[in-house]
Full PDB file with SEQRES, HELIX, SHEET, SSBOND, CRYST1, ORIGX, SCALE, CONECT and MASTER records, all heavy atoms in Angstrom:
SEQRES   1 A   40  SER ALA TYR THR ALA PHE GLY GLU GLU ALA ASP SER VAL          
SEQRES   2 A   40  PHE THR ASN THR GLU SER GLU ILE SER ALA TYR PHE LEU          
SEQRES   3 A   40  ALA ALA GLU ALA SER MET ASP PHE ASP TRP ILE ARG PRO          
SEQRES   4 A   40  LYS                                                          
SHEET    1 AA1 2 ALA A   2  GLU A   9  0                                        
SHEET    2 AA1 2 SER A  19  LEU A  26 -1                                        
CRYST1    1.000    1.000    1.000  90.00  90.00  90.00 P 1           1          
ORIGX1      1.000000  0.000000  0.000000        0.00000                         
ORIGX2      0.000000  1.000000  0.000000        0.00000                         
ORIGX3      0.000000  0.000000  1.000000        0.00000                         
SCALE1      1.000000  0.000000  0.000000        0.00000                         
SCALE2      0.000000  1.000000  0.000000        0.00000                         
SCALE3      0.000000  0.000000  1.000000        0.00000                         
ATOM      1  N   SER A   1     162.933  60.232 -63.659  1.00  0.00           N  
ATOM      2  CA  SER A   1     163.556  59.661 -62.434  1.00  0.00           C  
ATOM      3  C   SER A   1     164.389  58.455 -62.852  1.00  0.00           C  
ATOM      4  O   SER A   1     163.997  57.764 -63.765  1.00  0.00           O  
ATOM      5  CB  SER A   1     162.479  59.137 -61.392  1.00  0.00           C  
ATOM      6  OG  SER A   1     163.098  58.572 -60.299  1.00  0.00           O  
ATOM      7  N   ALA A   2     165.564  58.378 -62.378  1.00  0.00           N  
ATOM      8  CA  ALA A   2     166.663  57.248 -62.737  1.00  0.00           C  
ATOM      9  C   ALA A   2     167.431  56.969 -61.401  1.00  0.00           C  
ATOM     10  O   ALA A   2     167.857  57.845 -60.635  1.00  0.00           O  
ATOM     11  CB  ALA A   2     167.557  57.784 -63.709  1.00  0.00           C  
ATOM     12  N   TYR A   3     167.412  55.638 -61.165  1.00  0.00           N  
ATOM     13  CA  TYR A   3     168.079  55.104 -59.901  1.00  0.00           C  
ATOM     14  C   TYR A   3     168.954  53.851 -60.145  1.00  0.00           C  
ATOM     15  O   TYR A   3     168.456  53.112 -61.035  1.00  0.00           O  
ATOM     16  CB  TYR A   3     167.121  54.723 -58.808  1.00  0.00           C  
ATOM     17  CG  TYR A   3     166.419  55.877 -57.977  1.00  0.00           C  
ATOM     18  CD1 TYR A   3     165.352  56.400 -58.391  1.00  0.00           C  
ATOM     19  CD2 TYR A   3     167.244  56.400 -56.886  1.00  0.00           C  
ATOM     20  CE1 TYR A   3     164.671  57.408 -57.610  1.00  0.00           C  
ATOM     21  CE2 TYR A   3     166.608  57.432 -56.143  1.00  0.00           C  
ATOM     22  CZ  TYR A   3     165.365  57.895 -56.441  1.00  0.00           C  
ATOM     23  OH  TYR A   3     164.861  58.985 -55.721  1.00  0.00           O  
ATOM     24  N   THR A   4     170.116  53.793 -59.621  1.00  0.00           N  
ATOM     25  CA  THR A   4     170.831  52.647 -59.579  1.00  0.00           C  
ATOM     26  C   THR A   4     170.898  52.103 -58.095  1.00  0.00           C  
ATOM     27  O   THR A   4     171.090  53.017 -57.253  1.00  0.00           O  
ATOM     28  CB  THR A   4     172.142  52.770 -60.222  1.00  0.00           C  
ATOM     29  OG1 THR A   4     172.864  51.439 -60.188  1.00  0.00           O  
ATOM     30  CG2 THR A   4     173.097  53.763 -59.575  1.00  0.00           C  
ATOM     31  N   ALA A   5     170.791  50.812 -57.846  1.00  0.00           N  
ATOM     32  CA  ALA A   5     170.851  50.344 -56.592  1.00  0.00           C  
ATOM     33  C   ALA A   5     171.926  49.300 -56.459  1.00  0.00           C  
ATOM     34  O   ALA A   5     171.943  48.403 -57.321  1.00  0.00           O  
ATOM     35  CB  ALA A   5     169.610  49.717 -56.045  1.00  0.00           C  
ATOM     36  N   PHE A   6     172.842  49.464 -55.510  1.00  0.00           N  
ATOM     37  CA  PHE A   6     173.993  48.461 -55.380  1.00  0.00           C  
ATOM     38  C   PHE A   6     174.325  48.156 -53.851  1.00  0.00           C  
ATOM     39  O   PHE A   6     174.037  49.070 -53.127  1.00  0.00           O  
ATOM     40  CB  PHE A   6     175.193  48.984 -56.272  1.00  0.00           C  
ATOM     41  CG  PHE A   6     175.739  50.232 -55.707  1.00  0.00           C  
ATOM     42  CD1 PHE A   6     176.728  50.388 -54.695  1.00  0.00           C  
ATOM     43  CD2 PHE A   6     175.254  51.437 -56.278  1.00  0.00           C  
ATOM     44  CE1 PHE A   6     177.264  51.546 -54.296  1.00  0.00           C  
ATOM     45  CE2 PHE A   6     175.803  52.743 -55.791  1.00  0.00           C  
ATOM     46  CZ  PHE A   6     176.750  52.684 -54.813  1.00  0.00           C  
ATOM     47  N   GLY A   7     174.825  47.068 -53.686  1.00  0.00           N  
ATOM     48  CA  GLY A   7     175.227  46.738 -52.332  1.00  0.00           C  
ATOM     49  C   GLY A   7     175.463  45.206 -52.198  1.00  0.00           C  
ATOM     50  O   GLY A   7     175.710  44.476 -53.122  1.00  0.00           O  
ATOM     51  N   GLU A   8     175.038  44.614 -51.056  1.00  0.00           N  
ATOM     52  CA  GLU A   8     175.094  43.103 -50.904  1.00  0.00           C  
ATOM     53  C   GLU A   8     174.133  42.694 -49.768  1.00  0.00           C  
ATOM     54  O   GLU A   8     173.798  43.488 -48.872  1.00  0.00           O  
ATOM     55  CB  GLU A   8     176.569  42.741 -50.361  1.00  0.00           C  
ATOM     56  CG  GLU A   8     177.029  43.442 -49.198  1.00  0.00           C  
ATOM     57  CD  GLU A   8     178.518  43.059 -48.991  1.00  0.00           C  
ATOM     58  OE1 GLU A   8     179.288  42.726 -49.875  1.00  0.00           O  
ATOM     59  OE2 GLU A   8     178.870  43.009 -47.732  1.00  0.00           O  
ATOM     60  N   GLU A   9     173.661  41.537 -49.819  1.00  0.00           N  
ATOM     61  CA  GLU A   9     172.843  40.997 -48.810  1.00  0.00           C  
ATOM     62  C   GLU A   9     173.574  39.591 -48.362  1.00  0.00           C  
ATOM     63  O   GLU A   9     174.122  38.849 -49.177  1.00  0.00           O  
ATOM     64  CB  GLU A   9     171.424  40.617 -49.316  1.00  0.00           C  
ATOM     65  CG  GLU A   9     171.385  39.953 -50.679  1.00  0.00           C  
ATOM     66  CD  GLU A   9     169.951  39.922 -51.143  1.00  0.00           C  
ATOM     67  OE1 GLU A   9     169.062  40.146 -50.376  1.00  0.00           O  
ATOM     68  OE2 GLU A   9     169.714  39.448 -52.333  1.00  0.00           O  
ATOM     69  N   ALA A  10     173.491  39.349 -47.101  1.00  0.00           N  
ATOM     70  CA  ALA A  10     174.214  38.244 -46.488  1.00  0.00           C  
ATOM     71  C   ALA A  10     173.677  36.861 -47.022  1.00  0.00           C  
ATOM     72  O   ALA A  10     174.436  35.917 -47.208  1.00  0.00           O  
ATOM     73  CB  ALA A  10     174.220  38.302 -44.957  1.00  0.00           C  
ATOM     74  N   ASP A  11     172.470  36.759 -47.145  1.00  0.00           N  
ATOM     75  CA  ASP A  11     171.762  35.579 -47.673  1.00  0.00           C  
ATOM     76  C   ASP A  11     170.670  36.080 -48.664  1.00  0.00           C  
ATOM     77  O   ASP A  11     169.812  36.749 -48.356  1.00  0.00           O  
ATOM     78  CB  ASP A  11     171.072  34.755 -46.581  1.00  0.00           C  
ATOM     79  CG  ASP A  11     172.077  34.141 -45.626  1.00  0.00           C  
ATOM     80  OD1 ASP A  11     172.763  33.169 -45.997  1.00  0.00           O  
ATOM     81  OD2 ASP A  11     172.185  34.656 -44.443  1.00  0.00           O  
ATOM     82  N   SER A  12     170.871  35.436 -49.806  1.00  0.00           N  
ATOM     83  CA  SER A  12     169.768  35.863 -50.753  1.00  0.00           C  
ATOM     84  C   SER A  12     168.470  35.028 -50.580  1.00  0.00           C  
ATOM     85  O   SER A  12     168.508  34.118 -49.776  1.00  0.00           O  
ATOM     86  CB  SER A  12     170.266  35.566 -52.224  1.00  0.00           C  
ATOM     87  OG  SER A  12     170.501  34.279 -52.573  1.00  0.00           O  
ATOM     88  N   VAL A  13     167.457  35.322 -51.289  1.00  0.00           N  
ATOM     89  CA  VAL A  13     166.269  34.476 -51.118  1.00  0.00           C  
ATOM     90  C   VAL A  13     166.185  33.067 -51.363  1.00  0.00           C  
ATOM     91  O   VAL A  13     165.754  32.280 -50.586  1.00  0.00           O  
ATOM     92  CB  VAL A  13     165.003  35.242 -52.080  1.00  0.00           C  
ATOM     93  CG1 VAL A  13     163.705  34.505 -51.782  1.00  0.00           C  
ATOM     94  CG2 VAL A  13     164.875  36.699 -51.519  1.00  0.00           C  
ATOM     95  N   PHE A  14     166.990  32.669 -52.518  1.00  0.00           N  
ATOM     96  CA  PHE A  14     167.006  31.287 -52.855  1.00  0.00           C  
ATOM     97  C   PHE A  14     168.126  30.530 -52.587  1.00  0.00           C  
ATOM     98  O   PHE A  14     168.183  29.452 -52.762  1.00  0.00           O  
ATOM     99  CB  PHE A  14     166.672  31.212 -54.369  1.00  0.00           C  
ATOM    100  CG  PHE A  14     165.133  31.543 -54.650  1.00  0.00           C  
ATOM    101  CD1 PHE A  14     164.845  32.939 -55.120  1.00  0.00           C  
ATOM    102  CD2 PHE A  14     164.126  30.701 -54.519  1.00  0.00           C  
ATOM    103  CE1 PHE A  14     163.548  33.148 -55.401  1.00  0.00           C  
ATOM    104  CE2 PHE A  14     162.845  31.078 -54.870  1.00  0.00           C  
ATOM    105  CZ  PHE A  14     162.523  32.314 -55.243  1.00  0.00           C  
ATOM    106  N   THR A  15     169.294  31.219 -52.126  1.00  0.00           N  
ATOM    107  CA  THR A  15     170.600  30.528 -51.798  1.00  0.00           C  
ATOM    108  C   THR A  15     171.051  31.040 -50.467  1.00  0.00           C  
ATOM    109  O   THR A  15     170.724  32.153 -50.042  1.00  0.00           O  
ATOM    110  CB  THR A  15     171.521  30.883 -52.959  1.00  0.00           C  
ATOM    111  OG1 THR A  15     171.989  32.234 -52.889  1.00  0.00           O  
ATOM    112  CG2 THR A  15     171.117  30.600 -54.359  1.00  0.00           C  
ATOM    113  N   ASN A  16     171.984  30.214 -49.902  1.00  0.00           N  
ATOM    114  CA  ASN A  16     172.508  30.653 -48.602  1.00  0.00           C  
ATOM    115  C   ASN A  16     173.904  31.249 -48.757  1.00  0.00           C  
ATOM    116  O   ASN A  16     174.701  31.121 -47.869  1.00  0.00           O  
ATOM    117  CB  ASN A  16     172.634  29.382 -47.673  1.00  0.00           C  
ATOM    118  CG  ASN A  16     173.503  28.356 -48.233  1.00  0.00           C  
ATOM    119  OD1 ASN A  16     173.947  28.383 -49.389  1.00  0.00           O  
ATOM    120  ND2 ASN A  16     173.778  27.228 -47.497  1.00  0.00           N  
ATOM    121  N   THR A  17     173.992  31.899 -49.887  1.00  0.00           N  
ATOM    122  CA  THR A  17     175.471  32.625 -50.106  1.00  0.00           C  
ATOM    123  C   THR A  17     175.144  34.129 -50.200  1.00  0.00           C  
ATOM    124  O   THR A  17     174.088  34.626 -50.468  1.00  0.00           O  
ATOM    125  CB  THR A  17     176.073  32.161 -51.420  1.00  0.00           C  
ATOM    126  OG1 THR A  17     175.104  32.377 -52.526  1.00  0.00           O  
ATOM    127  CG2 THR A  17     176.393  30.655 -51.296  1.00  0.00           C  
ATOM    128  N   GLU A  18     176.220  34.823 -49.954  1.00  0.00           N  
ATOM    129  CA  GLU A  18     176.242  36.404 -50.077  1.00  0.00           C  
ATOM    130  C   GLU A  18     175.817  36.686 -51.610  1.00  0.00           C  
ATOM    131  O   GLU A  18     176.346  36.050 -52.510  1.00  0.00           O  
ATOM    132  CB  GLU A  18     177.563  36.894 -49.645  1.00  0.00           C  
ATOM    133  CG  GLU A  18     177.659  38.418 -49.720  1.00  0.00           C  
ATOM    134  CD  GLU A  18     178.869  38.928 -49.192  1.00  0.00           C  
ATOM    135  OE1 GLU A  18     179.102  38.820 -47.967  1.00  0.00           O  
ATOM    136  OE2 GLU A  18     179.657  39.473 -50.043  1.00  0.00           O  
ATOM    137  N   SER A  19     175.126  37.747 -51.806  1.00  0.00           N  
ATOM    138  CA  SER A  19     174.721  38.082 -53.108  1.00  0.00           C  
ATOM    139  C   SER A  19     174.948  39.428 -53.231  1.00  0.00           C  
ATOM    140  O   SER A  19     174.702  40.414 -52.421  1.00  0.00           O  
ATOM    141  CB  SER A  19     173.145  37.693 -53.343  1.00  0.00           C  
ATOM    142  OG  SER A  19     172.775  38.075 -54.598  1.00  0.00           O  
ATOM    143  N   GLU A  20     175.438  39.868 -54.471  1.00  0.00           N  
ATOM    144  CA  GLU A  20     175.688  41.326 -54.898  1.00  0.00           C  
ATOM    145  C   GLU A  20     174.454  41.894 -55.405  1.00  0.00           C  
ATOM    146  O   GLU A  20     173.763  41.346 -56.285  1.00  0.00           O  
ATOM    147  CB  GLU A  20     176.801  41.287 -55.928  1.00  0.00           C  
ATOM    148  CG  GLU A  20     177.153  42.752 -56.469  1.00  0.00           C  
ATOM    149  CD  GLU A  20     178.118  42.721 -57.551  1.00  0.00           C  
ATOM    150  OE1 GLU A  20     178.727  41.651 -57.768  1.00  0.00           O  
ATOM    151  OE2 GLU A  20     178.250  43.764 -58.208  1.00  0.00           O  
ATOM    152  N   ILE A  21     174.017  43.038 -54.939  1.00  0.00           N  
ATOM    153  CA  ILE A  21     172.800  43.860 -55.410  1.00  0.00           C  
ATOM    154  C   ILE A  21     173.213  44.696 -56.519  1.00  0.00           C  
ATOM    155  O   ILE A  21     174.213  45.481 -56.330  1.00  0.00           O  
ATOM    156  CB  ILE A  21     172.141  44.563 -54.208  1.00  0.00           C  
ATOM    157  CG1 ILE A  21     171.680  43.651 -53.176  1.00  0.00           C  
ATOM    158  CG2 ILE A  21     170.934  45.432 -54.784  1.00  0.00           C  
ATOM    159  CD1 ILE A  21     171.221  44.345 -51.844  1.00  0.00           C  
ATOM    160  N   SER A  22     172.460  44.601 -57.628  1.00  0.00           N  
ATOM    161  CA  SER A  22     172.856  45.347 -58.844  1.00  0.00           C  
ATOM    162  C   SER A  22     171.497  45.572 -59.583  1.00  0.00           C  
ATOM    163  O   SER A  22     171.166  44.587 -60.362  1.00  0.00           O  
ATOM    164  CB  SER A  22     174.053  44.764 -59.694  1.00  0.00           C  
ATOM    165  OG  SER A  22     174.228  45.684 -60.800  1.00  0.00           O  
ATOM    166  N   ALA A  23     170.902  46.684 -59.451  1.00  0.00           N  
ATOM    167  CA  ALA A  23     169.558  46.827 -60.063  1.00  0.00           C  
ATOM    168  C   ALA A  23     169.345  48.289 -60.485  1.00  0.00           C  
ATOM    169  O   ALA A  23     170.108  49.234 -59.958  1.00  0.00           O  
ATOM    170  CB  ALA A  23     168.425  46.426 -59.082  1.00  0.00           C  
ATOM    171  N   TYR A  24     168.339  48.640 -61.340  1.00  0.00           N  
ATOM    172  CA  TYR A  24     168.224  49.945 -61.729  1.00  0.00           C  
ATOM    173  C   TYR A  24     166.753  50.233 -62.022  1.00  0.00           C  
ATOM    174  O   TYR A  24     165.928  49.348 -62.151  1.00  0.00           O  
ATOM    175  CB  TYR A  24     169.055  50.310 -62.926  1.00  0.00           C  
ATOM    176  CG  TYR A  24     168.748  49.488 -64.150  1.00  0.00           C  
ATOM    177  CD1 TYR A  24     167.887  50.032 -65.072  1.00  0.00           C  
ATOM    178  CD2 TYR A  24     169.332  48.218 -64.400  1.00  0.00           C  
ATOM    179  CE1 TYR A  24     167.646  49.272 -66.282  1.00  0.00           C  
ATOM    180  CE2 TYR A  24     169.106  47.627 -65.546  1.00  0.00           C  
ATOM    181  CZ  TYR A  24     168.139  48.056 -66.477  1.00  0.00           C  
ATOM    182  OH  TYR A  24     167.960  47.357 -67.713  1.00  0.00           O  
ATOM    183  N   PHE A  25     166.384  51.543 -62.077  1.00  0.00           N  
ATOM    184  CA  PHE A  25     164.928  51.910 -62.192  1.00  0.00           C  
ATOM    185  C   PHE A  25     164.995  53.175 -63.041  1.00  0.00           C  
ATOM    186  O   PHE A  25     165.751  54.103 -62.923  1.00  0.00           O  
ATOM    187  CB  PHE A  25     164.444  52.190 -60.858  1.00  0.00           C  
ATOM    188  CG  PHE A  25     163.051  52.929 -60.832  1.00  0.00           C  
ATOM    189  CD1 PHE A  25     161.890  52.004 -60.850  1.00  0.00           C  
ATOM    190  CD2 PHE A  25     162.860  54.242 -60.788  1.00  0.00           C  
ATOM    191  CE1 PHE A  25     160.626  52.629 -60.805  1.00  0.00           C  
ATOM    192  CE2 PHE A  25     161.598  54.810 -60.760  1.00  0.00           C  
ATOM    193  CZ  PHE A  25     160.510  54.002 -60.736  1.00  0.00           C  
ATOM    194  N   LEU A  26     163.954  53.221 -63.992  1.00  0.00           N  
ATOM    195  CA  LEU A  26     163.746  54.454 -64.801  1.00  0.00           C  
ATOM    196  C   LEU A  26     162.259  54.763 -64.918  1.00  0.00           C  
ATOM    197  O   LEU A  26     161.431  53.829 -64.950  1.00  0.00           O  
ATOM    198  CB  LEU A  26     164.306  54.245 -66.237  1.00  0.00           C  
ATOM    199  CG  LEU A  26     165.746  53.835 -66.346  1.00  0.00           C  
ATOM    200  CD1 LEU A  26     165.983  53.391 -67.906  1.00  0.00           C  
ATOM    201  CD2 LEU A  26     166.684  55.077 -66.142  1.00  0.00           C  
ATOM    202  N   ALA A  27     161.934  55.992 -64.890  1.00  0.00           N  
ATOM    203  CA  ALA A  27     160.553  56.424 -64.940  1.00  0.00           C  
ATOM    204  C   ALA A  27     160.527  57.876 -65.690  1.00  0.00           C  
ATOM    205  O   ALA A  27     161.375  58.709 -65.416  1.00  0.00           O  
ATOM    206  CB  ALA A  27     159.844  56.498 -63.676  1.00  0.00           C  
ATOM    207  N   ALA A  28     159.451  58.067 -66.425  1.00  0.00           N  
ATOM    208  CA  ALA A  28     159.226  59.492 -66.968  1.00  0.00           C  
ATOM    209  C   ALA A  28     157.754  59.660 -67.205  1.00  0.00           C  
ATOM    210  O   ALA A  28     156.963  58.609 -67.653  1.00  0.00           O  
ATOM    211  CB  ALA A  28     159.952  59.581 -68.280  1.00  0.00           C  
ATOM    212  N   GLU A  29     157.235  60.765 -67.043  1.00  0.00           N  
ATOM    213  CA  GLU A  29     155.833  61.164 -67.360  1.00  0.00           C  
ATOM    214  C   GLU A  29     155.856  62.542 -67.987  1.00  0.00           C  
ATOM    215  O   GLU A  29     156.386  63.491 -67.441  1.00  0.00           O  
ATOM    216  CB  GLU A  29     154.892  61.122 -66.130  1.00  0.00           C  
ATOM    217  CG  GLU A  29     153.410  61.210 -66.327  1.00  0.00           C  
ATOM    218  CD  GLU A  29     152.549  61.030 -65.208  1.00  0.00           C  
ATOM    219  OE1 GLU A  29     152.251  59.828 -65.012  1.00  0.00           O  
ATOM    220  OE2 GLU A  29     152.367  61.850 -64.353  1.00  0.00           O  
ATOM    221  N   ALA A  30     155.186  62.682 -69.158  1.00  0.00           N  
ATOM    222  CA  ALA A  30     154.994  63.968 -69.820  1.00  0.00           C  
ATOM    223  C   ALA A  30     153.533  64.261 -70.060  1.00  0.00           C  
ATOM    224  O   ALA A  30     152.855  63.436 -70.238  1.00  0.00           O  
ATOM    225  CB  ALA A  30     155.844  63.950 -71.101  1.00  0.00           C  
ATOM    226  N   SER A  31     153.261  65.527 -69.873  1.00  0.00           N  
ATOM    227  CA  SER A  31     151.797  66.025 -70.047  1.00  0.00           C  
ATOM    228  C   SER A  31     151.919  67.408 -70.669  1.00  0.00           C  
ATOM    229  O   SER A  31     152.879  68.046 -70.702  1.00  0.00           O  
ATOM    230  CB  SER A  31     151.120  66.016 -68.770  1.00  0.00           C  
ATOM    231  OG  SER A  31     151.639  66.971 -67.849  1.00  0.00           O  
ATOM    232  N   MET A  32     150.828  67.836 -71.213  1.00  0.00           N  
ATOM    233  CA  MET A  32     150.613  69.278 -71.775  1.00  0.00           C  
ATOM    234  C   MET A  32     149.091  69.665 -71.570  1.00  0.00           C  
ATOM    235  O   MET A  32     148.167  68.909 -71.606  1.00  0.00           O  
ATOM    236  CB  MET A  32     150.819  69.184 -73.253  1.00  0.00           C  
ATOM    237  CG  MET A  32     150.792  70.556 -73.925  1.00  0.00           C  
ATOM    238  SD  MET A  32     151.257  70.573 -75.658  1.00  0.00           S  
ATOM    239  CE  MET A  32     152.962  70.145 -75.631  1.00  0.00           C  
ATOM    240  N   ASP A  33     148.988  70.940 -71.114  1.00  0.00           N  
ATOM    241  CA  ASP A  33     147.683  71.502 -70.812  1.00  0.00           C  
ATOM    242  C   ASP A  33     147.034  72.159 -72.036  1.00  0.00           C  
ATOM    243  O   ASP A  33     147.744  72.904 -72.831  1.00  0.00           O  
ATOM    244  CB  ASP A  33     147.833  72.524 -69.714  1.00  0.00           C  
ATOM    245  CG  ASP A  33     148.268  71.950 -68.466  1.00  0.00           C  
ATOM    246  OD1 ASP A  33     147.705  70.862 -68.038  1.00  0.00           O  
ATOM    247  OD2 ASP A  33     149.247  72.417 -67.778  1.00  0.00           O  
ATOM    248  N   PHE A  34     145.847  71.704 -72.369  1.00  0.00           N  
ATOM    249  CA  PHE A  34     144.991  72.333 -73.342  1.00  0.00           C  
ATOM    250  C   PHE A  34     143.770  72.853 -72.699  1.00  0.00           C  
ATOM    251  O   PHE A  34     142.793  72.068 -72.591  1.00  0.00           O  
ATOM    252  CB  PHE A  34     144.694  71.380 -74.400  1.00  0.00           C  
ATOM    253  CG  PHE A  34     145.844  70.766 -75.131  1.00  0.00           C  
ATOM    254  CD1 PHE A  34     146.563  69.607 -74.878  1.00  0.00           C  
ATOM    255  CD2 PHE A  34     146.352  71.412 -76.296  1.00  0.00           C  
ATOM    256  CE1 PHE A  34     147.493  69.098 -75.497  1.00  0.00           C  
ATOM    257  CE2 PHE A  34     147.436  70.913 -77.000  1.00  0.00           C  
ATOM    258  CZ  PHE A  34     148.106  69.845 -76.545  1.00  0.00           C  
ATOM    259  N   ASP A  35     143.838  74.117 -72.236  1.00  0.00           N  
ATOM    260  CA  ASP A  35     142.666  74.755 -71.489  1.00  0.00           C  
ATOM    261  C   ASP A  35     142.464  73.873 -70.247  1.00  0.00           C  
ATOM    262  O   ASP A  35     143.207  73.754 -69.466  1.00  0.00           O  
ATOM    263  CB  ASP A  35     141.456  74.890 -72.506  1.00  0.00           C  
ATOM    264  CG  ASP A  35     140.474  75.887 -71.788  1.00  0.00           C  
ATOM    265  OD1 ASP A  35     140.713  76.520 -70.830  1.00  0.00           O  
ATOM    266  OD2 ASP A  35     139.290  75.955 -72.433  1.00  0.00           O  
ATOM    267  N   TRP A  36     141.264  73.165 -70.242  1.00  0.00           N  
ATOM    268  CA  TRP A  36     140.830  72.408 -69.104  1.00  0.00           C  
ATOM    269  C   TRP A  36     141.157  70.868 -69.243  1.00  0.00           C  
ATOM    270  O   TRP A  36     140.838  69.971 -68.335  1.00  0.00           O  
ATOM    271  CB  TRP A  36     139.345  72.492 -68.816  1.00  0.00           C  
ATOM    272  CG  TRP A  36     138.489  72.297 -70.075  1.00  0.00           C  
ATOM    273  CD1 TRP A  36     138.283  73.039 -71.147  1.00  0.00           C  
ATOM    274  CD2 TRP A  36     137.859  70.941 -70.382  1.00  0.00           C  
ATOM    275  NE1 TRP A  36     137.553  72.425 -72.095  1.00  0.00           N  
ATOM    276  CE2 TRP A  36     137.316  71.177 -71.616  1.00  0.00           C  
ATOM    277  CE3 TRP A  36     137.744  69.772 -69.674  1.00  0.00           C  
ATOM    278  CZ2 TRP A  36     136.321  70.074 -72.151  1.00  0.00           C  
ATOM    279  CZ3 TRP A  36     136.935  68.692 -70.214  1.00  0.00           C  
ATOM    280  CH2 TRP A  36     136.428  68.873 -71.468  1.00  0.00           C  
ATOM    281  N   ILE A  37     141.944  70.415 -70.282  1.00  0.00           N  
ATOM    282  CA  ILE A  37     142.319  69.102 -70.448  1.00  0.00           C  
ATOM    283  C   ILE A  37     143.827  68.907 -70.431  1.00  0.00           C  
ATOM    284  O   ILE A  37     144.542  69.726 -71.026  1.00  0.00           O  
ATOM    285  CB  ILE A  37     141.777  68.596 -71.798  1.00  0.00           C  
ATOM    286  CG1 ILE A  37     140.293  68.769 -71.876  1.00  0.00           C  
ATOM    287  CG2 ILE A  37     142.289  67.200 -72.076  1.00  0.00           C  
ATOM    288  CD1 ILE A  37     139.703  68.435 -73.299  1.00  0.00           C  
ATOM    289  N   ARG A  38     144.255  67.946 -69.730  1.00  0.00           N  
ATOM    290  CA  ARG A  38     145.695  67.618 -69.677  1.00  0.00           C  
ATOM    291  C   ARG A  38     146.006  66.099 -70.019  1.00  0.00           C  
ATOM    292  O   ARG A  38     145.802  65.273 -69.128  1.00  0.00           O  
ATOM    293  CB  ARG A  38     146.257  67.864 -68.229  1.00  0.00           C  
ATOM    294  CG  ARG A  38     147.799  67.381 -68.006  1.00  0.00           C  
ATOM    295  CD  ARG A  38     148.290  67.629 -66.672  1.00  0.00           C  
ATOM    296  NE  ARG A  38     148.592  68.992 -66.493  1.00  0.00           N  
ATOM    297  CZ  ARG A  38     149.295  69.531 -65.467  1.00  0.00           C  
ATOM    298  NH1 ARG A  38     149.688  68.687 -64.531  1.00  0.00           N  
ATOM    299  NH2 ARG A  38     149.550  70.832 -65.258  1.00  0.00           N  
ATOM    300  N   PRO A  39     146.313  65.762 -71.196  1.00  0.00           N  
ATOM    301  CA  PRO A  39     146.683  64.458 -71.618  1.00  0.00           C  
ATOM    302  C   PRO A  39     148.173  64.154 -71.085  1.00  0.00           C  
ATOM    303  O   PRO A  39     148.999  65.151 -70.963  1.00  0.00           O  
ATOM    304  CB  PRO A  39     146.629  64.398 -73.092  1.00  0.00           C  
ATOM    305  CG  PRO A  39     146.852  65.844 -73.442  1.00  0.00           C  
ATOM    306  CD  PRO A  39     146.259  66.684 -72.420  1.00  0.00           C  
ATOM    307  N   LYS A  40     148.495  62.919 -70.852  1.00  0.00           N  
ATOM    308  CA  LYS A  40     149.693  62.549 -70.423  1.00  0.00           C  
ATOM    309  C   LYS A  40     150.224  61.232 -70.799  1.00  0.00           C  
ATOM    310  O   LYS A  40     149.379  60.373 -71.065  1.00  0.00           O  
ATOM    311  CB  LYS A  40     149.811  62.590 -68.792  1.00  0.00           C  
ATOM    312  CG  LYS A  40     148.717  61.710 -68.188  1.00  0.00           C  
ATOM    313  CD  LYS A  40     148.824  61.956 -66.683  1.00  0.00           C  
ATOM    314  CE  LYS A  40     147.611  61.153 -65.999  1.00  0.00           C  
ATOM    315  NZ  LYS A  40     147.596  61.396 -64.541  1.00  0.00           N  
TER     316      LYS A  40                                                      
MASTER        0    0    0    0    2    0    0    6  315    1    0    4          
END                                                                             
């Protein structure tokens, strides 16, 4: 999974000015089956 998030907020959490949103996210999970066992 990979996401980028962008946009704007009228007031940020710590300042009273408009803030540009620019963030990202990455995730991966791999596994393999050995009979009744699946490590990941």
